[in-house]
Amino acid sequence: MFLAKAGPKGRVRWAIRLGDAGSDTGPEIEVAPDGTSYLTGTFVNAANTRRAFVAKVSPNGQLLWTAESSASPFATLGELSLGPHSVNVLGRFISTVTLGNFKLDSAGATDFFLARLPR
């Protein structure tokens, strides 16, 4: 997948590549008032394991940080909102998934989680 910024006349100012060797999905993007972009997505690597991630991209197209889940049979981040000092994400998983220092165990089928990251 890629993230790009275009100017008022449609000219591409910058573009960056994200993801891995397998299938990639980037369902949600939010842009802060200062021009910083936040993106959630899901990627499948060469070992065919799935991970979800949140990325922060500077106004000039530099990847500032990413936070990603552990490998999971099904992990996805879909909704994203920006608070005054946080990035809030809603995702789904089955089985067990780790986000940062938090290990989440599923109660059965597909479960949801809400995470708050510092901006």
PDB file of N, CA and C in Angstrom:
ATOM      1  N   MET A   1       0.836  -1.169   0.000  1.00  0.00           N
ATOM      2  CA  MET A   1       0.000   0.000   0.000  1.00  0.00           C
ATOM      3  C   MET A   1       0.878   1.227   0.000  1.00  0.00           C
ATOM      4  N   PHE A   2       0.288   2.356  -0.284  1.00  0.00           N
ATOM      5  CA  PHE A   2       1.054   3.594  -0.246  1.00  0.00           C
ATOM      6  C   PHE A   2       0.176   4.716   0.290  1.00  0.00           C
ATOM      7  N   LEU A   3       0.835   5.750   0.764  1.00  0.00           N
ATOM      8  CA  LEU A   3       0.184   6.975   1.202  1.00  0.00           C
ATOM      9  C   LEU A   3       0.835   8.100   0.418  1.00  0.00           C
ATOM     10  N   ALA A   4       0.035   8.979  -0.160  1.00  0.00           N
ATOM     11  CA  ALA A   4       0.563  10.076  -0.967  1.00  0.00           C
ATOM     12  C   ALA A   4      -0.150  11.366  -0.619  1.00  0.00           C
ATOM     13  N   LYS A   5       0.530  12.477  -0.846  1.00  0.00           N
ATOM     14  CA  LYS A   5      -0.048  13.798  -0.648  1.00  0.00           C
ATOM     15  C   LYS A   5       0.010  14.542  -1.972  1.00  0.00           C
ATOM     16  N   ALA A   6      -1.124  15.118  -2.345  1.00  0.00           N
ATOM     17  CA  ALA A   6      -1.191  15.894  -3.590  1.00  0.00           C
ATOM     18  C   ALA A   6      -1.438  17.351  -3.251  1.00  0.00           C
ATOM     19  N   GLY A   7      -0.948  18.240  -4.101  1.00  0.00           N
ATOM     20  CA  GLY A   7      -1.161  19.670  -3.942  1.00  0.00           C
ATOM     21  C   GLY A   7      -2.507  20.086  -4.505  1.00  0.00           C
ATOM     22  N   PRO A   8      -2.820  21.378  -4.443  1.00  0.00           N
ATOM     23  CA  PRO A   8      -4.110  21.889  -4.900  1.00  0.00           C
ATOM     24  C   PRO A   8      -4.415  21.590  -6.371  1.00  0.00           C
ATOM     25  N   LYS A   9      -3.382  21.470  -7.207  1.00  0.00           N
ATOM     26  CA  LYS A   9      -3.592  21.194  -8.633  1.00  0.00           C
ATOM     27  C   LYS A   9      -3.455  19.709  -8.967  1.00  0.00           C
ATOM     28  N   GLY A  10      -3.384  18.851  -7.935  1.00  0.00           N
ATOM     29  CA  GLY A  10      -3.318  17.414  -8.155  1.00  0.00           C
ATOM     30  C   GLY A  10      -1.928  16.839  -8.348  1.00  0.00           C
ATOM     31  N   ARG A  11      -0.900  17.654  -8.252  1.00  0.00           N
ATOM     32  CA  ARG A  11       0.473  17.144  -8.377  1.00  0.00           C
ATOM     33  C   ARG A  11       0.874  16.437  -7.093  1.00  0.00           C
ATOM     34  N   VAL A  12       1.482  15.283  -7.235  1.00  0.00           N
ATOM     35  CA  VAL A  12       1.927  14.508  -6.073  1.00  0.00           C
ATOM     36  C   VAL A  12       3.148  15.181  -5.465  1.00  0.00           C
ATOM     37  N   ARG A  13       3.038  15.490  -4.170  1.00  0.00           N
ATOM     38  CA  ARG A  13       4.155  16.128  -3.453  1.00  0.00           C
ATOM     39  C   ARG A  13       5.094  15.097  -2.844  1.00  0.00           C
ATOM     40  N   TRP A  14       4.529  14.008  -2.350  1.00  0.00           N
ATOM     41  CA  TRP A  14       5.328  12.907  -1.822  1.00  0.00           C
ATOM     42  C   TRP A  14       4.481  11.644  -1.777  1.00  0.00           C
ATOM     43  N   ALA A  15       5.154  10.505  -1.708  1.00  0.00           N
ATOM     44  CA  ALA A  15       4.491   9.202  -1.573  1.00  0.00           C
ATOM     45  C   ALA A  15       5.416   8.279  -0.806  1.00  0.00           C
ATOM     46  N   ILE A  16       4.845   7.457   0.070  1.00  0.00           N
ATOM     47  CA  ILE A  16       5.625   6.462   0.811  1.00  0.00           C
ATOM     48  C   ILE A  16       4.933   5.110   0.695  1.00  0.00           C
ATOM     49  N   ARG A  17       5.734   4.065   0.768  1.00  0.00           N
ATOM     50  CA  ARG A  17       5.222   2.696   0.724  1.00  0.00           C
ATOM     51  C   ARG A  17       5.093   2.164   2.139  1.00  0.00           C
ATOM     52  N   LEU A  18       4.029   1.426   2.398  1.00  0.00           N
ATOM     53  CA  LEU A  18       3.797   0.765   3.677  1.00  0.00           C
ATOM     54  C   LEU A  18       3.359  -0.663   3.389  1.00  0.00           C
ATOM     55  N   GLY A  19       3.413  -1.539   4.386  1.00  0.00           N
ATOM     56  CA  GLY A  19       2.920  -2.899   4.212  1.00  0.00           C
ATOM     57  C   GLY A  19       4.043  -3.906   4.130  1.00  0.00           C
ATOM     58  N   ASP A  20       3.718  -5.074   3.551  1.00  0.00           N
ATOM     59  CA  ASP A  20       4.676  -6.170   3.484  1.00  0.00           C
ATOM     60  C   ASP A  20       4.444  -6.962   2.206  1.00  0.00           C
ATOM     61  N   ALA A  21       5.007  -8.163   2.147  1.00  0.00           N
ATOM     62  CA  ALA A  21       5.008  -8.957   0.912  1.00  0.00           C
ATOM     63  C   ALA A  21       3.628  -9.470   0.502  1.00  0.00           C
ATOM     64  N   GLY A  22       2.721  -9.639   1.453  1.00  0.00           N
ATOM     65  CA  GLY A  22       1.397 -10.182   1.144  1.00  0.00           C
ATOM     66  C   GLY A  22       0.371  -9.088   0.909  1.00  0.00           C
ATOM     67  N   SER A  23      -0.866  -9.445   1.145  1.00  0.00           N
ATOM     68  CA  SER A  23      -1.994  -8.536   0.944  1.00  0.00           C
ATOM     69  C   SER A  23      -1.989  -7.434   2.003  1.00  0.00           C
ATOM     70  N   ASP A  24      -2.201  -6.192   1.581  1.00  0.00           N
ATOM     71  CA  ASP A  24      -2.214  -5.041   2.483  1.00  0.00           C
ATOM     72  C   ASP A  24      -3.547  -4.306   2.346  1.00  0.00           C
ATOM     73  N   THR A  25      -4.063  -3.803   3.462  1.00  0.00           N
ATOM     74  CA  THR A  25      -5.288  -3.011   3.461  1.00  0.00           C
ATOM     75  C   THR A  25      -5.085  -1.825   4.377  1.00  0.00           C
ATOM     76  N   GLY A  26      -5.425  -0.630   3.923  1.00  0.00           N
ATOM     77  CA  GLY A  26      -5.318   0.577   4.734  1.00  0.00           C
ATOM     78  C   GLY A  26      -6.653   1.282   4.800  1.00  0.00           C
ATOM     79  N   PRO A  27      -7.516   0.915   5.737  1.00  0.00           N
ATOM     80  CA  PRO A  27      -8.889   1.404   5.688  1.00  0.00           C
ATOM     81  C   PRO A  27      -9.150   2.808   6.222  1.00  0.00           C
ATOM     82  N   GLU A  28      -8.251   3.395   6.991  1.00  0.00           N
ATOM     83  CA  GLU A  28      -8.608   4.650   7.662  1.00  0.00           C
ATOM     84  C   GLU A  28      -7.428   5.596   7.717  1.00  0.00           C
ATOM     85  N   ILE A  29      -7.660   6.869   7.361  1.00  0.00           N
ATOM     86  CA  ILE A  29      -6.644   7.916   7.443  1.00  0.00           C
ATOM     87  C   ILE A  29      -7.280   9.146   8.071  1.00  0.00           C
ATOM     88  N   GLU A  30      -6.557   9.779   8.982  1.00  0.00           N
ATOM     89  CA  GLU A  30      -6.963  11.056   9.567  1.00  0.00           C
ATOM     90  C   GLU A  30      -5.779  12.007   9.465  1.00  0.00           C
ATOM     91  N   VAL A  31      -6.063  13.275   9.224  1.00  0.00           N
ATOM     92  CA  VAL A  31      -5.013  14.285   9.138  1.00  0.00           C
ATOM     93  C   VAL A  31      -5.243  15.320  10.232  1.00  0.00           C
ATOM     94  N   ALA A  32      -4.236  15.557  11.051  1.00  0.00           N
ATOM     95  CA  ALA A  32      -4.307  16.534  12.135  1.00  0.00           C
ATOM     96  C   ALA A  32      -4.204  17.948  11.549  1.00  0.00           C
ATOM     97  N   PRO A  33      -4.627  18.964  12.305  1.00  0.00           N
ATOM     98  CA  PRO A  33      -4.541  20.344  11.811  1.00  0.00           C
ATOM     99  C   PRO A  33      -3.138  20.767  11.379  1.00  0.00           C
ATOM    100  N   ASP A  34      -2.088  20.172  11.976  1.00  0.00           N
ATOM    101  CA  ASP A  34      -0.720  20.532  11.590  1.00  0.00           C
ATOM    102  C   ASP A  34      -0.237  19.807  10.333  1.00  0.00           C
ATOM    103  N   GLY A  35      -1.089  18.965   9.726  1.00  0.00           N
ATOM    104  CA  GLY A  35      -0.729  18.254   8.510  1.00  0.00           C
ATOM    105  C   GLY A  35      -0.158  16.865   8.726  1.00  0.00           C
ATOM    106  N   THR A  36       0.003  16.440   9.976  1.00  0.00           N
ATOM    107  CA  THR A  36       0.470  15.098  10.288  1.00  0.00           C
ATOM    108  C   THR A  36      -0.641  14.103   9.958  1.00  0.00           C
ATOM    109  N   SER A  37      -0.282  13.007   9.290  1.00  0.00           N
ATOM    110  CA  SER A  37      -1.253  11.979   8.911  1.00  0.00           C
ATOM    111  C   SER A  37      -1.122  10.769   9.823  1.00  0.00           C
ATOM    112  N   TYR A  38      -2.253  10.139  10.113  1.00  0.00           N
ATOM    113  CA  TYR A  38      -2.303   8.903  10.885  1.00  0.00           C
ATOM    114  C   TYR A  38      -3.066   7.885  10.054  1.00  0.00           C
ATOM    115  N   LEU A  39      -2.541   6.668   9.965  1.00  0.00           N
ATOM    116  CA  LEU A  39      -3.104   5.639   9.105  1.00  0.00           C
ATOM    117  C   LEU A  39      -3.194   4.341   9.881  1.00  0.00           C
ATOM    118  N   THR A  40      -4.318   3.646   9.776  1.00  0.00           N
ATOM    119  CA  THR A  40      -4.403   2.278  10.277  1.00  0.00           C
ATOM    120  C   THR A  40      -4.412   1.350   9.080  1.00  0.00           C
ATOM    121  N   GLY A  41      -3.928   0.156   9.278  1.00  0.00           N
ATOM    122  CA  GLY A  41      -3.918  -0.806   8.186  1.00  0.00           C
ATOM    123  C   GLY A  41      -3.659  -2.209   8.688  1.00  0.00           C
ATOM    124  N   THR A  42      -3.729  -3.130   7.754  1.00  0.00           N
ATOM    125  CA  THR A  42      -3.478  -4.535   8.010  1.00  0.00           C
ATOM    126  C   THR A  42      -2.562  -5.047   6.913  1.00  0.00           C
ATOM    127  N   PHE A  43      -1.590  -5.866   7.265  1.00  0.00           N
ATOM    128  CA  PHE A  43      -0.725  -6.463   6.254  1.00  0.00           C
ATOM    129  C   PHE A  43      -0.491  -7.927   6.557  1.00  0.00           C
ATOM    130  N   VAL A  44      -0.202  -8.667   5.508  1.00  0.00           N
ATOM    131  CA  VAL A  44       0.146 -10.081   5.610  1.00  0.00           C
ATOM    132  C   VAL A  44       1.582 -10.207   5.112  1.00  0.00           C
ATOM    133  N   ASN A  45       2.449 -10.813   5.950  1.00  0.00           N
ATOM    134  CA  ASN A  45       3.858 -10.921   5.556  1.00  0.00           C
ATOM    135  C   ASN A  45       4.121 -12.193   4.754  1.00  0.00           C
ATOM    136  N   ALA A  46       5.381 -12.413   4.404  1.00  0.00           N
ATOM    137  CA  ALA A  46       5.753 -13.562   3.567  1.00  0.00           C
ATOM    138  C   ALA A  46       5.433 -14.896   4.241  1.00  0.00           C
ATOM    139  N   ALA A  47       5.395 -14.928   5.581  1.00  0.00           N
ATOM    140  CA  ALA A  47       5.058 -16.153   6.309  1.00  0.00           C
ATOM    141  C   ALA A  47       3.540 -16.351   6.412  1.00  0.00           C
ATOM    142  N   ASN A  48       2.779 -15.485   5.762  1.00  0.00           N
ATOM    143  CA  ASN A  48       1.318 -15.543   5.713  1.00  0.00           C
ATOM    144  C   ASN A  48       0.665 -15.323   7.082  1.00  0.00           C
ATOM    145  N   THR A  49       1.294 -14.494   7.923  1.00  0.00           N
ATOM    146  CA  THR A  49       0.674 -14.101   9.187  1.00  0.00           C
ATOM    147  C   THR A  49       0.182 -12.664   9.060  1.00  0.00           C
ATOM    148  N   ARG A  50      -0.868 -12.354   9.777  1.00  0.00           N
ATOM    149  CA  ARG A  50      -1.542 -11.065   9.658  1.00  0.00           C
ATOM    150  C   ARG A  50      -1.214 -10.182  10.860  1.00  0.00           C
ATOM    151  N   ARG A  51      -0.978  -8.901  10.582  1.00  0.00           N
ATOM    152  CA  ARG A  51      -0.710  -7.912  11.627  1.00  0.00           C
ATOM    153  C   ARG A  51      -1.471  -6.631  11.306  1.00  0.00           C
ATOM    154  N   ALA A  52      -1.861  -5.934  12.352  1.00  0.00           N
ATOM    155  CA  ALA A  52      -2.509  -4.631  12.203  1.00  0.00           C
ATOM    156  C   ALA A  52      -1.532  -3.565  12.675  1.00  0.00           C
ATOM    157  N   PHE A  53      -1.656  -2.348  12.122  1.00  0.00           N
ATOM    158  CA  PHE A  53      -0.717  -1.305  12.520  1.00  0.00           C
ATOM    159  C   PHE A  53      -1.378   0.069  12.490  1.00  0.00           C
ATOM    160  N   VAL A  54      -0.739   0.990  13.208  1.00  0.00           N
ATOM    161  CA  VAL A  54      -1.043   2.418  13.154  1.00  0.00           C
ATOM    162  C   VAL A  54       0.268   3.095  12.800  1.00  0.00           C
ATOM    163  N   ALA A  55       0.232   4.053  11.889  1.00  0.00           N
ATOM    164  CA  ALA A  55       1.439   4.775  11.495  1.00  0.00           C
ATOM    165  C   ALA A  55       1.200   6.276  11.590  1.00  0.00           C
ATOM    166  N   LYS A  56       2.265   6.988  11.937  1.00  0.00           N
ATOM    167  CA  LYS A  56       2.244   8.453  11.978  1.00  0.00           C
ATOM    168  C   LYS A  56       3.223   8.952  10.918  1.00  0.00           C
ATOM    169  N   VAL A  57       2.739   9.842  10.044  1.00  0.00           N
ATOM    170  CA  VAL A  57       3.543  10.354   8.937  1.00  0.00           C
ATOM    171  C   VAL A  57       3.572  11.878   9.024  1.00  0.00           C
ATOM    172  N   SER A  58       4.771  12.455   8.945  1.00  0.00           N
ATOM    173  CA  SER A  58       4.931  13.906   9.058  1.00  0.00           C
ATOM    174  C   SER A  58       4.302  14.611   7.855  1.00  0.00           C
ATOM    175  N   PRO A  59       4.079  15.928   7.958  1.00  0.00           N
ATOM    176  CA  PRO A  59       3.505  16.673   6.825  1.00  0.00           C
ATOM    177  C   PRO A  59       4.350  16.612   5.549  1.00  0.00           C
ATOM    178  N   ASN A  60       5.660  16.295   5.678  1.00  0.00           N
ATOM    179  CA  ASN A  60       6.501  16.197   4.480  1.00  0.00           C
ATOM    180  C   ASN A  60       6.771  14.755   4.051  1.00  0.00           C
ATOM    181  N   GLY A  61       6.009  13.793   4.599  1.00  0.00           N
ATOM    182  CA  GLY A  61       6.065  12.414   4.125  1.00  0.00           C
ATOM    183  C   GLY A  61       7.058  11.498   4.797  1.00  0.00           C
ATOM    184  N   GLN A  62       7.558  11.868   5.967  1.00  0.00           N
ATOM    185  CA  GLN A  62       8.478  10.994   6.699  1.00  0.00           C
ATOM    186  C   GLN A  62       7.692  10.126   7.676  1.00  0.00           C
ATOM    187  N   LEU A  63       7.970   8.824   7.671  1.00  0.00           N
ATOM    188  CA  LEU A  63       7.353   7.915   8.621  1.00  0.00           C
ATOM    189  C   LEU A  63       7.956   8.180   9.991  1.00  0.00           C
ATOM    190  N   LEU A  64       7.140   8.648  10.951  1.00  0.00           N
ATOM    191  CA  LEU A  64       7.637   9.020  12.277  1.00  0.00           C
ATOM    192  C   LEU A  64       7.610   7.854  13.256  1.00  0.00           C
ATOM    193  N   TRP A  65       6.534   7.074  13.253  1.00  0.00           N
ATOM    194  CA  TRP A  65       6.463   5.878  14.079  1.00  0.00           C
ATOM    195  C   TRP A  65       5.365   4.952  13.588  1.00  0.00           C
ATOM    196  N   THR A  66       5.484   3.693  13.982  1.00  0.00           N
ATOM    197  CA  THR A  66       4.427   2.710  13.758  1.00  0.00           C
ATOM    198  C   THR A  66       4.235   1.926  15.046  1.00  0.00           C
ATOM    199  N   ALA A  67       3.029   1.489  15.259  1.00  0.00           N
ATOM    200  CA  ALA A  67       2.698   0.566  16.343  1.00  0.00           C
ATOM    201  C   ALA A  67       1.968  -0.588  15.684  1.00  0.00           C
ATOM    202  N   GLU A  68       2.458  -1.809  15.895  1.00  0.00           N
ATOM    203  CA  GLU A  68       1.814  -2.936  15.228  1.00  0.00           C
ATOM    204  C   GLU A  68       1.503  -4.046  16.214  1.00  0.00           C
ATOM    205  N   SER A  69       0.524  -4.842  15.832  1.00  0.00           N
ATOM    206  CA  SER A  69       0.109  -5.965  16.660  1.00  0.00           C
ATOM    207  C   SER A  69       1.038  -7.150  16.427  1.00  0.00           C
ATOM    208  N   SER A  70       0.927  -8.120  17.315  1.00  0.00           N
ATOM    209  CA  SER A  70       1.598  -9.388  17.074  1.00  0.00           C
ATOM    210  C   SER A  70       0.866 -10.110  15.940  1.00  0.00           C
ATOM    211  N   ALA A  71       1.484 -11.160  15.431  1.00  0.00           N
ATOM    212  CA  ALA A  71       0.837 -11.953  14.382  1.00  0.00           C
ATOM    213  C   ALA A  71      -0.417 -12.603  14.945  1.00  0.00           C
ATOM    214  N   SER A  72      -1.436 -12.677  14.128  1.00  0.00           N
ATOM    215  CA  SER A  72      -2.715 -13.222  14.554  1.00  0.00           C
ATOM    216  C   SER A  72      -3.400 -13.856  13.353  1.00  0.00           C
ATOM    217  N   PRO A  73      -4.218 -14.894  13.583  1.00  0.00           N
ATOM    218  CA  PRO A  73      -4.993 -15.424  12.464  1.00  0.00           C
ATOM    219  C   PRO A  73      -5.910 -14.348  11.858  1.00  0.00           C
ATOM    220  N   PHE A  74      -6.343 -13.397  12.686  1.00  0.00           N
ATOM    221  CA  PHE A  74      -7.178 -12.306  12.200  1.00  0.00           C
ATOM    222  C   PHE A  74      -6.990 -11.114  13.132  1.00  0.00           C
ATOM    223  N   ALA A  75      -6.353 -10.083  12.651  1.00  0.00           N
ATOM    224  CA  ALA A  75      -6.206  -8.830  13.402  1.00  0.00           C
ATOM    225  C   ALA A  75      -6.400  -7.699  12.409  1.00  0.00           C
ATOM    226  N   THR A  76      -7.216  -6.738  12.779  1.00  0.00           N
ATOM    227  CA  THR A  76      -7.445  -5.618  11.883  1.00  0.00           C
ATOM    228  C   THR A  76      -7.743  -4.366  12.688  1.00  0.00           C
ATOM    229  N   LEU A  77      -7.317  -3.232  12.197  1.00  0.00           N
ATOM    230  CA  LEU A  77      -7.665  -1.932  12.758  1.00  0.00           C
ATOM    231  C   LEU A  77      -8.502  -1.229  11.707  1.00  0.00           C
ATOM    232  N   GLY A  78      -9.646  -0.700  12.116  1.00  0.00           N
ATOM    233  CA  GLY A  78     -10.520  -0.119  11.117  1.00  0.00           C
ATOM    234  C   GLY A  78     -10.937   1.301  11.371  1.00  0.00           C
ATOM    235  N   GLU A  79     -11.170   1.674  12.590  1.00  0.00           N
ATOM    236  CA  GLU A  79     -11.639   3.020  12.891  1.00  0.00           C
ATOM    237  C   GLU A  79     -10.538   3.784  13.605  1.00  0.00           C
ATOM    238  N   LEU A  80     -10.433   5.060  13.272  1.00  0.00           N
ATOM    239  CA  LEU A  80      -9.371   5.909  13.797  1.00  0.00           C
ATOM    240  C   LEU A  80      -9.946   7.272  14.097  1.00  0.00           C
ATOM    241  N   SER A  81      -9.616   7.815  15.266  1.00  0.00           N
ATOM    242  CA  SER A  81     -10.013   9.186  15.587  1.00  0.00           C
ATOM    243  C   SER A  81      -8.863   9.859  16.326  1.00  0.00           C
ATOM    244  N   LEU A  82      -8.790  11.159  16.187  1.00  0.00           N
ATOM    245  CA  LEU A  82      -7.734  11.925  16.843  1.00  0.00           C
ATOM    246  C   LEU A  82      -8.318  12.707  18.001  1.00  0.00           C
ATOM    247  N   GLY A  83      -7.729  12.524  19.180  1.00  0.00           N
ATOM    248  CA  GLY A  83      -8.062  13.338  20.329  1.00  0.00           C
ATOM    249  C   GLY A  83      -7.032  14.451  20.446  1.00  0.00           C
ATOM    250  N   PRO A  84      -7.166  15.321  21.437  1.00  0.00           N
ATOM    251  CA  PRO A  84      -6.212  16.422  21.587  1.00  0.00           C
ATOM    252  C   PRO A  84      -4.762  15.952  21.738  1.00  0.00           C
ATOM    253  N   HIS A  85      -4.570  14.818  22.411  1.00  0.00           N
ATOM    254  CA  HIS A  85      -3.212  14.313  22.650  1.00  0.00           C
ATOM    255  C   HIS A  85      -3.086  12.827  22.361  1.00  0.00           C
ATOM    256  N   SER A  86      -4.081  12.241  21.685  1.00  0.00           N
ATOM    257  CA  SER A  86      -4.069  10.800  21.474  1.00  0.00           C
ATOM    258  C   SER A  86      -4.595  10.420  20.099  1.00  0.00           C
ATOM    259  N   VAL A  87      -4.237   9.208  19.711  1.00  0.00           N
ATOM    260  CA  VAL A  87      -4.767   8.547  18.522  1.00  0.00           C
ATOM    261  C   VAL A  87      -5.574   7.368  19.046  1.00  0.00           C
ATOM    262  N   ASN A  88      -6.836   7.306  18.715  1.00  0.00           N
ATOM    263  CA  ASN A  88      -7.724   6.258  19.202  1.00  0.00           C
ATOM    264  C   ASN A  88      -8.064   5.318  18.047  1.00  0.00           C
ATOM    265  N   VAL A  89      -7.894   4.017  18.264  1.00  0.00           N
ATOM    266  CA  VAL A  89      -8.160   3.043  17.217  1.00  0.00           C
ATOM    267  C   VAL A  89      -9.067   1.935  17.739  1.00  0.00           C
ATOM    268  N   LEU A  90      -9.949   1.485  16.880  1.00  0.00           N
ATOM    269  CA  LEU A  90     -10.835   0.366  17.166  1.00  0.00           C
ATOM    270  C   LEU A  90     -10.453  -0.758  16.227  1.00  0.00           C
ATOM    271  N   GLY A  91     -10.314  -1.962  16.764  1.00  0.00           N
ATOM    272  CA  GLY A  91      -9.925  -3.086  15.933  1.00  0.00           C
ATOM    273  C   GLY A  91     -10.638  -4.360  16.321  1.00  0.00           C
ATOM    274  N   ARG A  92     -10.345  -5.411  15.569  1.00  0.00           N
ATOM    275  CA  ARG A  92     -10.925  -6.729  15.825  1.00  0.00           C
ATOM    276  C   ARG A  92      -9.811  -7.771  15.823  1.00  0.00           C
ATOM    277  N   PHE A  93     -10.040  -8.875  16.534  1.00  0.00           N
ATOM    278  CA  PHE A  93      -9.072  -9.962  16.564  1.00  0.00           C
ATOM    279  C   PHE A  93      -9.758 -11.252  16.974  1.00  0.00           C
ATOM    280  N   ILE A  94      -9.090 -12.367  16.720  1.00  0.00           N
ATOM    281  CA  ILE A  94      -9.502 -13.657  17.254  1.00  0.00           C
ATOM    282  C   ILE A  94      -8.293 -14.274  17.947  1.00  0.00           C
ATOM    283  N   SER A  95      -8.549 -15.222  18.811  1.00  0.00           N
ATOM    284  CA  SER A  95      -7.505 -15.924  19.535  1.00  0.00           C
ATOM    285  C   SER A  95      -6.797 -14.965  20.495  1.00  0.00           C
ATOM    286  N   THR A  96      -5.540 -14.661  20.260  1.00  0.00           N
ATOM    287  CA  THR A  96      -4.748 -13.779  21.119  1.00  0.00           C
ATOM    288  C   THR A  96      -4.011 -12.777  20.251  1.00  0.00           C
ATOM    289  N   VAL A  97      -3.931 -11.538  20.726  1.00  0.00           N
ATOM    290  CA  VAL A  97      -3.165 -10.522  20.020  1.00  0.00           C
ATOM    291  C   VAL A  97      -2.466  -9.652  21.056  1.00  0.00           C
ATOM    292  N   THR A  98      -1.282  -9.171  20.724  1.00  0.00           N
ATOM    293  CA  THR A  98      -0.535  -8.278  21.602  1.00  0.00           C
ATOM    294  C   THR A  98      -0.384  -6.935  20.910  1.00  0.00           C
ATOM    295  N   LEU A  99      -0.680  -5.874  21.646  1.00  0.00           N
ATOM    296  CA  LEU A  99      -0.482  -4.501  21.190  1.00  0.00           C
ATOM    297  C   LEU A  99       0.359  -3.813  22.237  1.00  0.00           C
ATOM    298  N   GLY A 100       1.607  -3.479  21.889  1.00  0.00           N
ATOM    299  CA  GLY A 100       2.495  -2.865  22.877  1.00  0.00           C
ATOM    300  C   GLY A 100       2.683  -3.808  24.052  1.00  0.00           C
ATOM    301  N   ASN A 101       2.391  -3.323  25.249  1.00  0.00           N
ATOM    302  CA  ASN A 101       2.524  -4.130  26.463  1.00  0.00           C
ATOM    303  C   ASN A 101       1.261  -4.883  26.829  1.00  0.00           C
ATOM    304  N   PHE A 102       0.238  -4.833  25.977  1.00  0.00           N
ATOM    305  CA  PHE A 102      -1.052  -5.423  26.309  1.00  0.00           C
ATOM    306  C   PHE A 102      -1.310  -6.686  25.508  1.00  0.00           C
ATOM    307  N   LYS A 103      -1.553  -7.783  26.209  1.00  0.00           N
ATOM    308  CA  LYS A 103      -1.921  -9.050  25.580  1.00  0.00           C
ATOM    309  C   LYS A 103      -3.420  -9.221  25.773  1.00  0.00           C
ATOM    310  N   LEU A 104      -4.119  -9.423  24.666  1.00  0.00           N
ATOM    311  CA  LEU A 104      -5.573  -9.575  24.704  1.00  0.00           C
ATOM    312  C   LEU A 104      -5.938 -10.992  24.290  1.00  0.00           C
ATOM    313  N   ASP A 105      -6.808 -11.629  25.076  1.00  0.00           N
ATOM    314  CA  ASP A 105      -7.292 -12.969  24.762  1.00  0.00           C
ATOM    315  C   ASP A 105      -8.750 -12.883  24.352  1.00  0.00           C
ATOM    316  N   SER A 106      -9.083 -13.529  23.260  1.00  0.00           N
ATOM    317  CA  SER A 106     -10.443 -13.519  22.744  1.00  0.00           C
ATOM    318  C   SER A 106     -11.384 -14.286  23.671  1.00  0.00           C
ATOM    319  N   ALA A 107     -12.619 -13.826  23.748  1.00  0.00           N
ATOM    320  CA  ALA A 107     -13.635 -14.516  24.540  1.00  0.00           C
ATOM    321  C   ALA A 107     -14.324 -15.599  23.720  1.00  0.00           C
ATOM    322  N   GLY A 108     -13.992 -15.724  22.456  1.00  0.00           N
ATOM    323  CA  GLY A 108     -14.640 -16.730  21.615  1.00  0.00           C
ATOM    324  C   GLY A 108     -14.355 -16.487  20.154  1.00  0.00           C
ATOM    325  N   ALA A 109     -15.315 -15.938  19.467  1.00  0.00           N
ATOM    326  CA  ALA A 109     -15.166 -15.683  18.029  1.00  0.00           C
ATOM    327  C   ALA A 109     -14.370 -14.393  17.826  1.00  0.00           C
ATOM    328  N   THR A 110     -14.876 -13.481  17.019  1.00  0.00           N
ATOM    329  CA  THR A 110     -14.200 -12.211  16.781  1.00  0.00           C
ATOM    330  C   THR A 110     -14.503 -11.249  17.916  1.00  0.00           C
ATOM    331  N   ASP A 111     -13.470 -10.681  18.506  1.00  0.00           N
ATOM    332  CA  ASP A 111     -13.620  -9.703  19.575  1.00  0.00           C
ATOM    333  C   ASP A 111     -13.116  -8.344  19.100  1.00  0.00           C
ATOM    334  N   PHE A 112     -13.567  -7.289  19.772  1.00  0.00           N
ATOM    335  CA  PHE A 112     -13.144  -5.921  19.466  1.00  0.00           C
ATOM    336  C   PHE A 112     -12.207  -5.417  20.550  1.00  0.00           C
ATOM    337  N   PHE A 113     -11.375  -4.456  20.201  1.00  0.00           N
ATOM    338  CA  PHE A 113     -10.564  -3.763  21.187  1.00  0.00           C
ATOM    339  C   PHE A 113     -10.501  -2.292  20.827  1.00  0.00           C
ATOM    340  N   LEU A 114     -10.253  -1.473  21.824  1.00  0.00           N
ATOM    341  CA  LEU A 114     -10.070  -0.031  21.660  1.00  0.00           C
ATOM    342  C   LEU A 114      -8.716   0.295  22.270  1.00  0.00           C
ATOM    343  N   ALA A 115      -7.894   1.025  21.519  1.00  0.00           N
ATOM    344  CA  ALA A 115      -6.560   1.399  21.999  1.00  0.00           C
ATOM    345  C   ALA A 115      -6.384   2.899  21.871  1.00  0.00           C
ATOM    346  N   ARG A 116      -5.667   3.476  22.810  1.00  0.00           N
ATOM    347  CA  ARG A 116      -5.332   4.889  22.785  1.00  0.00           C
ATOM    348  C   ARG A 116      -3.814   5.024  22.793  1.00  0.00           C
ATOM    349  N   LEU A 117      -3.281   5.691  21.757  1.00  0.00           N
ATOM    350  CA  LEU A 117      -1.842   5.887  21.622  1.00  0.00           C
ATOM    351  C   LEU A 117      -1.533   7.374  21.740  1.00  0.00           C
ATOM    352  N   PRO A 118      -0.374   7.741  22.262  1.00  0.00           N
ATOM    353  CA  PRO A 118      -0.024   9.166  22.309  1.00  0.00           C
ATOM    354  C   PRO A 118       0.268   9.688  20.909  1.00  0.00           C
ATOM    355  N   ARG A 119      -0.131  10.932  20.655  1.00  0.00           N
ATOM    356  CA  ARG A 119       0.157  11.541  19.352  1.00  0.00           C
ATOM    357  C   ARG A 119       1.571  12.027  19.319  1.00  0.00           C
TER     358      ARG A 119
END
